[in-house]
């Protein structure tokens, strides 16, 4: 299968793979570029991992050093017996401490957005700005019950006899069509681990069984860093009602919001180059509120 030239060029810029220990488990992260530059820190969503950013991160290396974390239970980080927003915040802070990063610009997709908001409330000096990417952080009171069920996010660990079979079975969560199938297959290559000659997803299917989260409404209202919002105009989870409520609670000004046409929830897979272009526009505008 032939790939676009831009894709072939960016994936040649390989990151360093690094590990640290956080509460007796191994946390993995990737690092691109020179640490003398400002840091752009990527946080993935549920059941994802740091390599989701391989074809996005290199676009920013002219102006940034880029870090992408594997939150525990996902990617090449170890699994835990229980998970929480506070534990994930601790992992993010630990990576920054290990790399001697005093502050960074954070970009967080989906579930990573609520994790980033909680982290910013705990470590406000760490956040120069936060870019939320199609992320449900706060929910109107009358919709809380509809968003509270996690049962659909629990997953059985399917085992595949062949790596190719595992790759072909890989799907996005939540489900959506993907016209850039080459990107999906690229991500899938990093999504499985081999166990005795067979293949299983790296992510822990039971994360949501123990995951502790909190109502972020008050925290979101009082974040000290600038907030930006990028979402897919065809997103299957980020509705107009959620957009309006997020903008209202977060006091996000219009010039800090971008909707990407033709993109669903996984907007940087649907429209990777348009996504990069728009994130760059927002980063150029970075300033204290």
C-alpha atoms as a PDB file:
ATOM      1  CA  UNK A   1       0.000   0.000   0.000  1.00  0.00           C
ATOM      2  CA  UNK A   2       1.365   3.412  -0.952  1.00  0.00           C
ATOM      3  CA  UNK A   3       1.252   6.152   1.662  1.00  0.00           C
ATOM      4  CA  UNK A   4       1.117   9.938   1.230  1.00  0.00           C
ATOM      5  CA  UNK A   5       4.511  11.587   1.015  1.00  0.00           C
ATOM      6  CA  UNK A   6       3.891  13.712   4.119  1.00  0.00           C
ATOM      7  CA  UNK A   7       3.277  10.564   6.179  1.00  0.00           C
ATOM      8  CA  UNK A   8       6.439   8.851   4.950  1.00  0.00           C
ATOM      9  CA  UNK A   9       8.453  11.947   5.849  1.00  0.00           C
ATOM     10  CA  UNK A  10       7.123  12.500   9.371  1.00  0.00           C
ATOM     11  CA  UNK A  11       7.362   8.899  10.561  1.00  0.00           C
ATOM     12  CA  UNK A  12      11.057   8.914   9.667  1.00  0.00           C
ATOM     13  CA  UNK A  13      11.521  11.287  12.601  1.00  0.00           C
ATOM     14  CA  UNK A  14      11.621   8.635  15.283  1.00  0.00           C
ATOM     15  CA  UNK A  15      11.236   9.515  18.977  1.00  0.00           C
ATOM     16  CA  UNK A  16      13.301   8.258  21.887  1.00  0.00           C
ATOM     17  CA  UNK A  17      11.526   5.670  24.007  1.00  0.00           C
ATOM     18  CA  UNK A  18      11.930   6.233  27.770  1.00  0.00           C
ATOM     19  CA  UNK A  19      10.666   4.713  31.031  1.00  0.00           C
ATOM     20  CA  UNK A  20      10.242   5.807  34.633  1.00  0.00           C
ATOM     21  CA  UNK A  21       8.764   4.158  37.718  1.00  0.00           C
ATOM     22  CA  UNK A  22       5.659   5.670  39.312  1.00  0.00           C
ATOM     23  CA  UNK A  23       4.298   3.930  42.405  1.00  0.00           C
ATOM     24  CA  UNK A  24       6.215   0.752  41.598  1.00  0.00           C
ATOM     25  CA  UNK A  25       5.016   0.391  38.017  1.00  0.00           C
ATOM     26  CA  UNK A  26       6.742   1.203  34.736  1.00  0.00           C
ATOM     27  CA  UNK A  27       5.507   4.245  32.771  1.00  0.00           C
ATOM     28  CA  UNK A  28       6.583   4.625  29.157  1.00  0.00           C
ATOM     29  CA  UNK A  29       6.795   7.824  27.115  1.00  0.00           C
ATOM     30  CA  UNK A  30       8.207   9.098  23.817  1.00  0.00           C
ATOM     31  CA  UNK A  31      10.346  12.180  23.263  1.00  0.00           C
ATOM     32  CA  UNK A  32      11.004  14.032  20.009  1.00  0.00           C
ATOM     33  CA  UNK A  33      13.333  16.967  19.441  1.00  0.00           C
ATOM     34  CA  UNK A  34      15.481  19.273  21.545  1.00  0.00           C
ATOM     35  CA  UNK A  35      14.684  19.873  25.199  1.00  0.00           C
ATOM     36  CA  UNK A  36      16.001  23.440  24.929  1.00  0.00           C
ATOM     37  CA  UNK A  37      12.762  24.344  23.135  1.00  0.00           C
ATOM     38  CA  UNK A  38       9.351  24.811  24.792  1.00  0.00           C
ATOM     39  CA  UNK A  39       7.638  21.492  25.486  1.00  0.00           C
ATOM     40  CA  UNK A  40       4.411  20.286  23.881  1.00  0.00           C
ATOM     41  CA  UNK A  41       3.009  17.363  25.897  1.00  0.00           C
ATOM     42  CA  UNK A  42       0.480  14.981  24.283  1.00  0.00           C
ATOM     43  CA  UNK A  43      -2.036  12.980  26.349  1.00  0.00           C
ATOM     44  CA  UNK A  44      -3.946  10.207  24.576  1.00  0.00           C
ATOM     45  CA  UNK A  45      -7.497   9.008  25.136  1.00  0.00           C
ATOM     46  CA  UNK A  46      -9.002   5.781  26.434  1.00  0.00           C
ATOM     47  CA  UNK A  47      -7.359   2.544  25.226  1.00  0.00           C
ATOM     48  CA  UNK A  48      -4.906   4.551  23.103  1.00  0.00           C
ATOM     49  CA  UNK A  49      -1.145   5.125  23.466  1.00  0.00           C
ATOM     50  CA  UNK A  50       1.759   7.458  22.700  1.00  0.00           C
ATOM     51  CA  UNK A  51       2.323   6.149  19.160  1.00  0.00           C
ATOM     52  CA  UNK A  52      -1.049   7.602  18.113  1.00  0.00           C
ATOM     53  CA  UNK A  53       0.932  10.849  17.855  1.00  0.00           C
ATOM     54  CA  UNK A  54       3.791   9.538  15.662  1.00  0.00           C
ATOM     55  CA  UNK A  55       2.389  11.162  12.518  1.00  0.00           C
ATOM     56  CA  UNK A  56       1.359  14.362  14.369  1.00  0.00           C
ATOM     57  CA  UNK A  57       4.213  15.214  16.746  1.00  0.00           C
ATOM     58  CA  UNK A  58       7.011  15.759  14.163  1.00  0.00           C
ATOM     59  CA  UNK A  59       5.062  18.622  12.570  1.00  0.00           C
ATOM     60  CA  UNK A  60       5.756  20.721  15.679  1.00  0.00           C
ATOM     61  CA  UNK A  61       9.486  20.125  16.075  1.00  0.00           C
ATOM     62  CA  UNK A  62      10.540  23.430  14.543  1.00  0.00           C
ATOM     63  CA  UNK A  63       9.218  25.226  17.616  1.00  0.00           C
ATOM     64  CA  UNK A  64       8.780  22.532  20.283  1.00  0.00           C
ATOM     65  CA  UNK A  65      10.236  19.536  21.991  1.00  0.00           C
ATOM     66  CA  UNK A  66       7.386  16.988  22.032  1.00  0.00           C
ATOM     67  CA  UNK A  67       6.565  14.372  24.674  1.00  0.00           C
ATOM     68  CA  UNK A  68       3.802  11.755  24.488  1.00  0.00           C
ATOM     69  CA  UNK A  69       2.967   9.571  27.475  1.00  0.00           C
ATOM     70  CA  UNK A  70       1.550   6.062  27.749  1.00  0.00           C
ATOM     71  CA  UNK A  71      -0.798   6.350  30.720  1.00  0.00           C
ATOM     72  CA  UNK A  72      -0.761   3.268  32.955  1.00  0.00           C
ATOM     73  CA  UNK A  73      -2.838   0.390  31.642  1.00  0.00           C
ATOM     74  CA  UNK A  74      -2.210   1.487  28.058  1.00  0.00           C
ATOM     75  CA  UNK A  75       0.568   1.309  25.485  1.00  0.00           C
ATOM     76  CA  UNK A  76       3.907   0.084  26.834  1.00  0.00           C
ATOM     77  CA  UNK A  77       3.210   1.195  30.411  1.00  0.00           C
ATOM     78  CA  UNK A  78       2.375  -1.418  33.036  1.00  0.00           C
ATOM     79  CA  UNK A  79      -1.153  -2.200  34.189  1.00  0.00           C
ATOM     80  CA  UNK A  80      -2.425  -1.313  37.664  1.00  0.00           C
ATOM     81  CA  UNK A  81      -4.936  -3.005  39.932  1.00  0.00           C
ATOM     82  CA  UNK A  82      -6.903   0.263  40.024  1.00  0.00           C
ATOM     83  CA  UNK A  83      -6.821   3.551  38.107  1.00  0.00           C
ATOM     84  CA  UNK A  84      -7.790   7.148  38.853  1.00  0.00           C
ATOM     85  CA  UNK A  85      -7.527  10.690  37.525  1.00  0.00           C
ATOM     86  CA  UNK A  86      -5.203  11.540  40.403  1.00  0.00           C
ATOM     87  CA  UNK A  87      -2.874   8.628  39.610  1.00  0.00           C
ATOM     88  CA  UNK A  88      -2.730   9.683  35.969  1.00  0.00           C
ATOM     89  CA  UNK A  89      -1.920  13.233  37.085  1.00  0.00           C
ATOM     90  CA  UNK A  90       0.912  11.834  39.176  1.00  0.00           C
ATOM     91  CA  UNK A  91       2.283   9.966  36.141  1.00  0.00           C
ATOM     92  CA  UNK A  92       2.223  13.100  33.977  1.00  0.00           C
ATOM     93  CA  UNK A  93       3.951  15.144  36.675  1.00  0.00           C
ATOM     94  CA  UNK A  94       6.545  12.392  37.173  1.00  0.00           C
ATOM     95  CA  UNK A  95       7.483  12.445  33.479  1.00  0.00           C
ATOM     96  CA  UNK A  96       7.869  16.223  33.607  1.00  0.00           C
ATOM     97  CA  UNK A  97       9.992  16.011  36.762  1.00  0.00           C
ATOM     98  CA  UNK A  98      12.179  13.298  35.244  1.00  0.00           C
ATOM     99  CA  UNK A  99      12.802  15.476  32.163  1.00  0.00           C
ATOM    100  CA  UNK A 100      13.273  18.602  34.343  1.00  0.00           C
ATOM    101  CA  UNK A 101      10.304  20.336  32.705  1.00  0.00           C
ATOM    102  CA  UNK A 102       8.983  23.241  34.753  1.00  0.00           C
ATOM    103  CA  UNK A 103       6.096  24.024  32.393  1.00  0.00           C
ATOM    104  CA  UNK A 104       4.657  22.832  29.092  1.00  0.00           C
ATOM    105  CA  UNK A 105       1.837  23.252  26.600  1.00  0.00           C
ATOM    106  CA  UNK A 106      -0.539  20.303  26.902  1.00  0.00           C
ATOM    107  CA  UNK A 107      -2.684  18.783  24.166  1.00  0.00           C
ATOM    108  CA  UNK A 108      -5.182  16.143  25.342  1.00  0.00           C
ATOM    109  CA  UNK A 109      -7.632  14.034  23.357  1.00  0.00           C
ATOM    110  CA  UNK A 110     -10.928  12.530  24.540  1.00  0.00           C
ATOM    111  CA  UNK A 111     -10.584  10.986  28.044  1.00  0.00           C
ATOM    112  CA  UNK A 112      -7.135  12.598  28.198  1.00  0.00           C
ATOM    113  CA  UNK A 113      -8.859  15.985  28.408  1.00  0.00           C
ATOM    114  CA  UNK A 114     -10.485  15.317  31.777  1.00  0.00           C
ATOM    115  CA  UNK A 115      -7.209  13.838  33.024  1.00  0.00           C
ATOM    116  CA  UNK A 116      -5.373  16.973  31.879  1.00  0.00           C
ATOM    117  CA  UNK A 117      -7.899  19.305  33.531  1.00  0.00           C
ATOM    118  CA  UNK A 118      -7.487  17.479  36.831  1.00  0.00           C
ATOM    119  CA  UNK A 119      -3.691  17.566  36.436  1.00  0.00           C
ATOM    120  CA  UNK A 120      -3.783  21.305  35.750  1.00  0.00           C
ATOM    121  CA  UNK A 121      -5.790  21.856  38.926  1.00  0.00           C
ATOM    122  CA  UNK A 122      -3.251  19.889  40.985  1.00  0.00           C
ATOM    123  CA  UNK A 123      -0.118  21.337  39.348  1.00  0.00           C
ATOM    124  CA  UNK A 124      -1.144  24.755  37.983  1.00  0.00           C
ATOM    125  CA  UNK A 125       2.412  26.010  37.462  1.00  0.00           C
ATOM    126  CA  UNK A 126       3.075  23.115  35.079  1.00  0.00           C
ATOM    127  CA  UNK A 127       0.537  24.287  32.478  1.00  0.00           C
ATOM    128  CA  UNK A 128       1.352  27.110  30.075  1.00  0.00           C
ATOM    129  CA  UNK A 129      -1.855  26.252  28.181  1.00  0.00           C
ATOM    130  CA  UNK A 130      -4.222  23.338  27.625  1.00  0.00           C
ATOM    131  CA  UNK A 131      -5.651  22.354  24.244  1.00  0.00           C
ATOM    132  CA  UNK A 132      -8.670  20.072  24.602  1.00  0.00           C
ATOM    133  CA  UNK A 133      -9.255  17.831  21.589  1.00  0.00           C
ATOM    134  CA  UNK A 134     -12.867  16.621  21.198  1.00  0.00           C
ATOM    135  CA  UNK A 135     -12.925  16.014  24.919  1.00  0.00           C
ATOM    136  CA  UNK A 136     -15.939  15.743  27.225  1.00  0.00           C
ATOM    137  CA  UNK A 137     -14.760  17.394  30.439  1.00  0.00           C
ATOM    138  CA  UNK A 138     -18.010  18.761  31.884  1.00  0.00           C
ATOM    139  CA  UNK A 139     -21.571  17.619  31.226  1.00  0.00           C
ATOM    140  CA  UNK A 140     -24.876  19.514  31.702  1.00  0.00           C
ATOM    141  CA  UNK A 141     -26.522  18.350  34.956  1.00  0.00           C
ATOM    142  CA  UNK A 142     -29.471  16.795  33.150  1.00  0.00           C
ATOM    143  CA  UNK A 143     -27.114  14.676  30.999  1.00  0.00           C
ATOM    144  CA  UNK A 144     -24.819  13.349  33.747  1.00  0.00           C
ATOM    145  CA  UNK A 145     -26.660  10.045  34.108  1.00  0.00           C
ATOM    146  CA  UNK A 146     -26.407   9.317  30.387  1.00  0.00           C
ATOM    147  CA  UNK A 147     -22.629   9.830  30.483  1.00  0.00           C
ATOM    148  CA  UNK A 148     -21.987   8.004  33.765  1.00  0.00           C
ATOM    149  CA  UNK A 149     -22.185   4.402  32.511  1.00  0.00           C
ATOM    150  CA  UNK A 150     -18.795   2.813  31.822  1.00  0.00           C
ATOM    151  CA  UNK A 151     -20.054  -0.698  31.123  1.00  0.00           C
ATOM    152  CA  UNK A 152     -19.706  -0.252  27.362  1.00  0.00           C
ATOM    153  CA  UNK A 153     -16.021   0.632  27.856  1.00  0.00           C
ATOM    154  CA  UNK A 154     -15.157  -2.651  29.575  1.00  0.00           C
ATOM    155  CA  UNK A 155     -13.514  -5.037  27.117  1.00  0.00           C
ATOM    156  CA  UNK A 156     -12.730  -8.732  26.940  1.00  0.00           C
ATOM    157  CA  UNK A 157      -9.154  -9.517  25.938  1.00  0.00           C
ATOM    158  CA  UNK A 158      -9.395 -11.134  22.523  1.00  0.00           C
ATOM    159  CA  UNK A 159      -6.432 -13.306  21.575  1.00  0.00           C
ATOM    160  CA  UNK A 160      -5.298 -13.611  17.957  1.00  0.00           C
ATOM    161  CA  UNK A 161      -3.162 -16.373  16.493  1.00  0.00           C
ATOM    162  CA  UNK A 162      -1.668 -14.148  13.802  1.00  0.00           C
ATOM    163  CA  UNK A 163      -0.398 -10.569  13.993  1.00  0.00           C
ATOM    164  CA  UNK A 164      -2.067  -9.748  10.665  1.00  0.00           C
ATOM    165  CA  UNK A 165      -5.389 -10.964  12.045  1.00  0.00           C
ATOM    166  CA  UNK A 166      -4.973  -8.679  15.068  1.00  0.00           C
ATOM    167  CA  UNK A 167      -4.158  -5.687  12.840  1.00  0.00           C
ATOM    168  CA  UNK A 168      -7.220  -6.299  10.667  1.00  0.00           C
ATOM    169  CA  UNK A 169      -9.471  -6.491  13.737  1.00  0.00           C
ATOM    170  CA  UNK A 170      -8.326  -3.166  15.224  1.00  0.00           C
ATOM    171  CA  UNK A 171     -11.149  -0.647  15.707  1.00  0.00           C
ATOM    172  CA  UNK A 172     -11.500   2.853  17.129  1.00  0.00           C
ATOM    173  CA  UNK A 173     -13.397   3.542  20.374  1.00  0.00           C
ATOM    174  CA  UNK A 174     -16.036   4.918  20.022  1.00  0.00           C
ATOM    175  CA  UNK A 175     -16.586   3.230  16.642  1.00  0.00           C
ATOM    176  CA  UNK A 176     -16.447   5.349  13.523  1.00  0.00           C
ATOM    177  CA  UNK A 177     -15.612   4.942   9.833  1.00  0.00           C
ATOM    178  CA  UNK A 178     -12.012   5.721   8.916  1.00  0.00           C
ATOM    179  CA  UNK A 179     -11.125   6.846   5.411  1.00  0.00           C
ATOM    180  CA  UNK A 180      -7.406   7.002   6.277  1.00  0.00           C
ATOM    181  CA  UNK A 181      -7.064   3.262   6.735  1.00  0.00           C
ATOM    182  CA  UNK A 182      -3.260   3.464   6.518  1.00  0.00           C
ATOM    183  CA  UNK A 183      -3.220   5.526   9.726  1.00  0.00           C
ATOM    184  CA  UNK A 184      -5.438   3.018  11.505  1.00  0.00           C
ATOM    185  CA  UNK A 185      -3.139   0.164  10.483  1.00  0.00           C
ATOM    186  CA  UNK A 186      -0.090   2.150  11.563  1.00  0.00           C
ATOM    187  CA  UNK A 187      -1.575   2.712  15.030  1.00  0.00           C
ATOM    188  CA  UNK A 188      -2.624  -0.944  15.222  1.00  0.00           C
ATOM    189  CA  UNK A 189       0.991  -2.071  14.755  1.00  0.00           C
ATOM    190  CA  UNK A 190       1.822  -0.572  18.153  1.00  0.00           C
ATOM    191  CA  UNK A 191      -1.400  -1.658  19.874  1.00  0.00           C
ATOM    192  CA  UNK A 192      -0.713  -5.376  20.432  1.00  0.00           C
ATOM    193  CA  UNK A 193       1.740  -7.417  22.484  1.00  0.00           C
ATOM    194  CA  UNK A 194       2.900 -10.943  21.821  1.00  0.00           C
ATOM    195  CA  UNK A 195       2.213 -13.551  24.510  1.00  0.00           C
ATOM    196  CA  UNK A 196       3.501 -17.043  23.789  1.00  0.00           C
ATOM    197  CA  UNK A 197       3.205 -16.654  20.052  1.00  0.00           C
ATOM    198  CA  UNK A 198      -0.251 -15.071  20.140  1.00  0.00           C
ATOM    199  CA  UNK A 199      -1.394 -11.444  20.120  1.00  0.00           C
ATOM    200  CA  UNK A 200      -3.505  -9.371  22.509  1.00  0.00           C
ATOM    201  CA  UNK A 201      -4.229  -5.648  22.884  1.00  0.00           C
ATOM    202  CA  UNK A 202      -1.786  -3.873  25.176  1.00  0.00           C
ATOM    203  CA  UNK A 203      -4.490  -1.780  26.834  1.00  0.00           C
ATOM    204  CA  UNK A 204      -6.146  -3.068  29.996  1.00  0.00           C
ATOM    205  CA  UNK A 205      -9.774  -3.850  29.156  1.00  0.00           C
ATOM    206  CA  UNK A 206     -10.753  -3.444  32.812  1.00  0.00           C
ATOM    207  CA  UNK A 207      -9.578   0.148  33.342  1.00  0.00           C
ATOM    208  CA  UNK A 208     -13.121   1.432  33.704  1.00  0.00           C
ATOM    209  CA  UNK A 209     -13.992  -1.203  36.305  1.00  0.00           C
ATOM    210  CA  UNK A 210     -11.946   0.667  38.911  1.00  0.00           C
ATOM    211  CA  UNK A 211     -11.377   4.110  37.361  1.00  0.00           C
ATOM    212  CA  UNK A 212     -11.966   6.918  39.863  1.00  0.00           C
ATOM    213  CA  UNK A 213     -12.983  10.244  38.366  1.00  0.00           C
ATOM    214  CA  UNK A 214     -14.481  13.402  39.832  1.00  0.00           C
ATOM    215  CA  UNK A 215     -16.871  16.172  38.895  1.00  0.00           C
ATOM    216  CA  UNK A 216     -14.539  18.667  37.241  1.00  0.00           C
ATOM    217  CA  UNK A 217     -17.013  21.543  36.892  1.00  0.00           C
ATOM    218  CA  UNK A 218     -15.587  23.768  39.624  1.00  0.00           C
ATOM    219  CA  UNK A 219     -11.992  22.897  38.740  1.00  0.00           C
ATOM    220  CA  UNK A 220     -12.670  23.669  35.087  1.00  0.00           C
ATOM    221  CA  UNK A 221     -14.198  27.034  35.983  1.00  0.00           C
ATOM    222  CA  UNK A 222     -11.087  28.037  37.908  1.00  0.00           C
ATOM    223  CA  UNK A 223      -8.149  26.770  35.859  1.00  0.00           C
ATOM    224  CA  UNK A 224      -5.293  29.244  35.792  1.00  0.00           C
ATOM    225  CA  UNK A 225      -3.985  28.360  32.320  1.00  0.00           C
ATOM    226  CA  UNK A 226      -5.425  29.428  28.953  1.00  0.00           C
ATOM    227  CA  UNK A 227      -7.882  26.917  27.477  1.00  0.00           C
ATOM    228  CA  UNK A 228      -8.291  26.071  23.805  1.00  0.00           C
ATOM    229  CA  UNK A 229     -10.746  23.730  22.129  1.00  0.00           C
ATOM    230  CA  UNK A 230     -10.520  21.747  18.881  1.00  0.00           C
ATOM    231  CA  UNK A 231     -13.340  19.398  17.935  1.00  0.00           C
ATOM    232  CA  UNK A 232     -14.748  17.489  14.974  1.00  0.00           C
ATOM    233  CA  UNK A 233     -17.844  19.034  13.442  1.00  0.00           C
ATOM    234  CA  UNK A 234     -19.086  15.472  12.853  1.00  0.00           C
ATOM    235  CA  UNK A 235     -18.029  14.181  16.288  1.00  0.00           C
ATOM    236  CA  UNK A 236     -20.273  11.385  17.510  1.00  0.00           C
ATOM    237  CA  UNK A 237     -19.779  12.363  21.169  1.00  0.00           C
ATOM    238  CA  UNK A 238     -19.066  16.108  21.232  1.00  0.00           C
ATOM    239  CA  UNK A 239     -22.492  17.530  20.445  1.00  0.00           C
ATOM    240  CA  UNK A 240     -23.436  21.184  20.044  1.00  0.00           C
ATOM    241  CA  UNK A 241     -24.962  21.065  23.527  1.00  0.00           C
ATOM    242  CA  UNK A 242     -21.704  19.784  25.025  1.00  0.00           C
ATOM    243  CA  UNK A 243     -19.747  22.365  23.072  1.00  0.00           C
ATOM    244  CA  UNK A 244     -21.919  25.191  24.381  1.00  0.00           C
ATOM    245  CA  UNK A 245     -21.715  23.938  27.954  1.00  0.00           C
ATOM    246  CA  UNK A 246     -17.921  23.413  27.800  1.00  0.00           C
ATOM    247  CA  UNK A 247     -17.393  26.901  26.403  1.00  0.00           C
ATOM    248  CA  UNK A 248     -19.689  28.423  29.058  1.00  0.00           C
ATOM    249  CA  UNK A 249     -18.159  26.631  32.058  1.00  0.00           C
ATOM    250  CA  UNK A 250     -14.566  27.035  30.867  1.00  0.00           C
ATOM    251  CA  UNK A 251     -15.113  30.658  29.799  1.00  0.00           C
ATOM    252  CA  UNK A 252     -13.400  29.859  26.489  1.00  0.00           C
ATOM    253  CA  UNK A 253     -13.385  32.777  24.070  1.00  0.00           C
ATOM    254  CA  UNK A 254     -14.464  32.293  20.461  1.00  0.00           C
ATOM    255  CA  UNK A 255     -10.991  32.842  18.992  1.00  0.00           C
ATOM    256  CA  UNK A 256      -9.720  29.864  21.005  1.00  0.00           C
ATOM    257  CA  UNK A 257     -12.204  27.397  19.476  1.00  0.00           C
ATOM    258  CA  UNK A 258     -11.861  25.534  16.181  1.00  0.00           C
ATOM    259  CA  UNK A 259     -14.258  23.006  14.664  1.00  0.00           C
ATOM    260  CA  UNK A 260     -12.808  20.820  11.911  1.00  0.00           C
ATOM    261  CA  UNK A 261     -15.200  20.033   9.022  1.00  0.00           C
ATOM    262  CA  UNK A 262     -15.525  16.405   7.947  1.00  0.00           C
ATOM    263  CA  UNK A 263     -13.915  15.128  11.158  1.00  0.00           C
ATOM    264  CA  UNK A 264     -15.439  12.874  13.786  1.00  0.00           C
ATOM    265  CA  UNK A 265     -14.161  12.168  17.319  1.00  0.00           C
ATOM    266  CA  UNK A 266     -10.744  10.924  16.169  1.00  0.00           C
ATOM    267  CA  UNK A 267     -10.211  14.132  14.241  1.00  0.00           C
ATOM    268  CA  UNK A 268      -6.416  13.917  13.909  1.00  0.00           C
ATOM    269  CA  UNK A 269      -6.896  10.576  12.135  1.00  0.00           C
ATOM    270  CA  UNK A 270      -9.732  11.882   9.956  1.00  0.00           C
ATOM    271  CA  UNK A 271      -8.003  15.139   8.987  1.00  0.00           C
ATOM    272  CA  UNK A 272      -4.379  14.976  10.208  1.00  0.00           C
ATOM    273  CA  UNK A 273      -2.933  17.860   8.193  1.00  0.00           C
ATOM    274  CA  UNK A 274      -5.920  20.149   8.817  1.00  0.00           C
ATOM    275  CA  UNK A 275      -5.655  19.269  12.504  1.00  0.00           C
ATOM    276  CA  UNK A 276      -1.955  20.170  12.605  1.00  0.00           C
ATOM    277  CA  UNK A 277      -2.561  23.440  10.773  1.00  0.00           C
ATOM    278  CA  UNK A 278      -5.264  24.512  13.213  1.00  0.00           C
ATOM    279  CA  UNK A 279      -3.357  23.514  16.340  1.00  0.00           C
ATOM    280  CA  UNK A 280      -0.414  25.560  15.076  1.00  0.00           C
ATOM    281  CA  UNK A 281      -2.736  28.552  14.678  1.00  0.00           C
ATOM    282  CA  UNK A 282      -3.831  28.252  18.290  1.00  0.00           C
ATOM    283  CA  UNK A 283      -0.309  27.809  19.603  1.00  0.00           C
ATOM    284  CA  UNK A 284       0.752  30.979  17.819  1.00  0.00           C
ATOM    285  CA  UNK A 285      -1.946  32.786  19.815  1.00  0.00           C
ATOM    286  CA  UNK A 286      -0.742  31.365  23.110  1.00  0.00           C
ATOM    287  CA  UNK A 287      -0.771  33.974  25.840  1.00  0.00           C
ATOM    288  CA  UNK A 288      -1.912  34.415  29.393  1.00  0.00           C
ATOM    289  CA  UNK A 289      -5.640  35.187  29.710  1.00  0.00           C
END
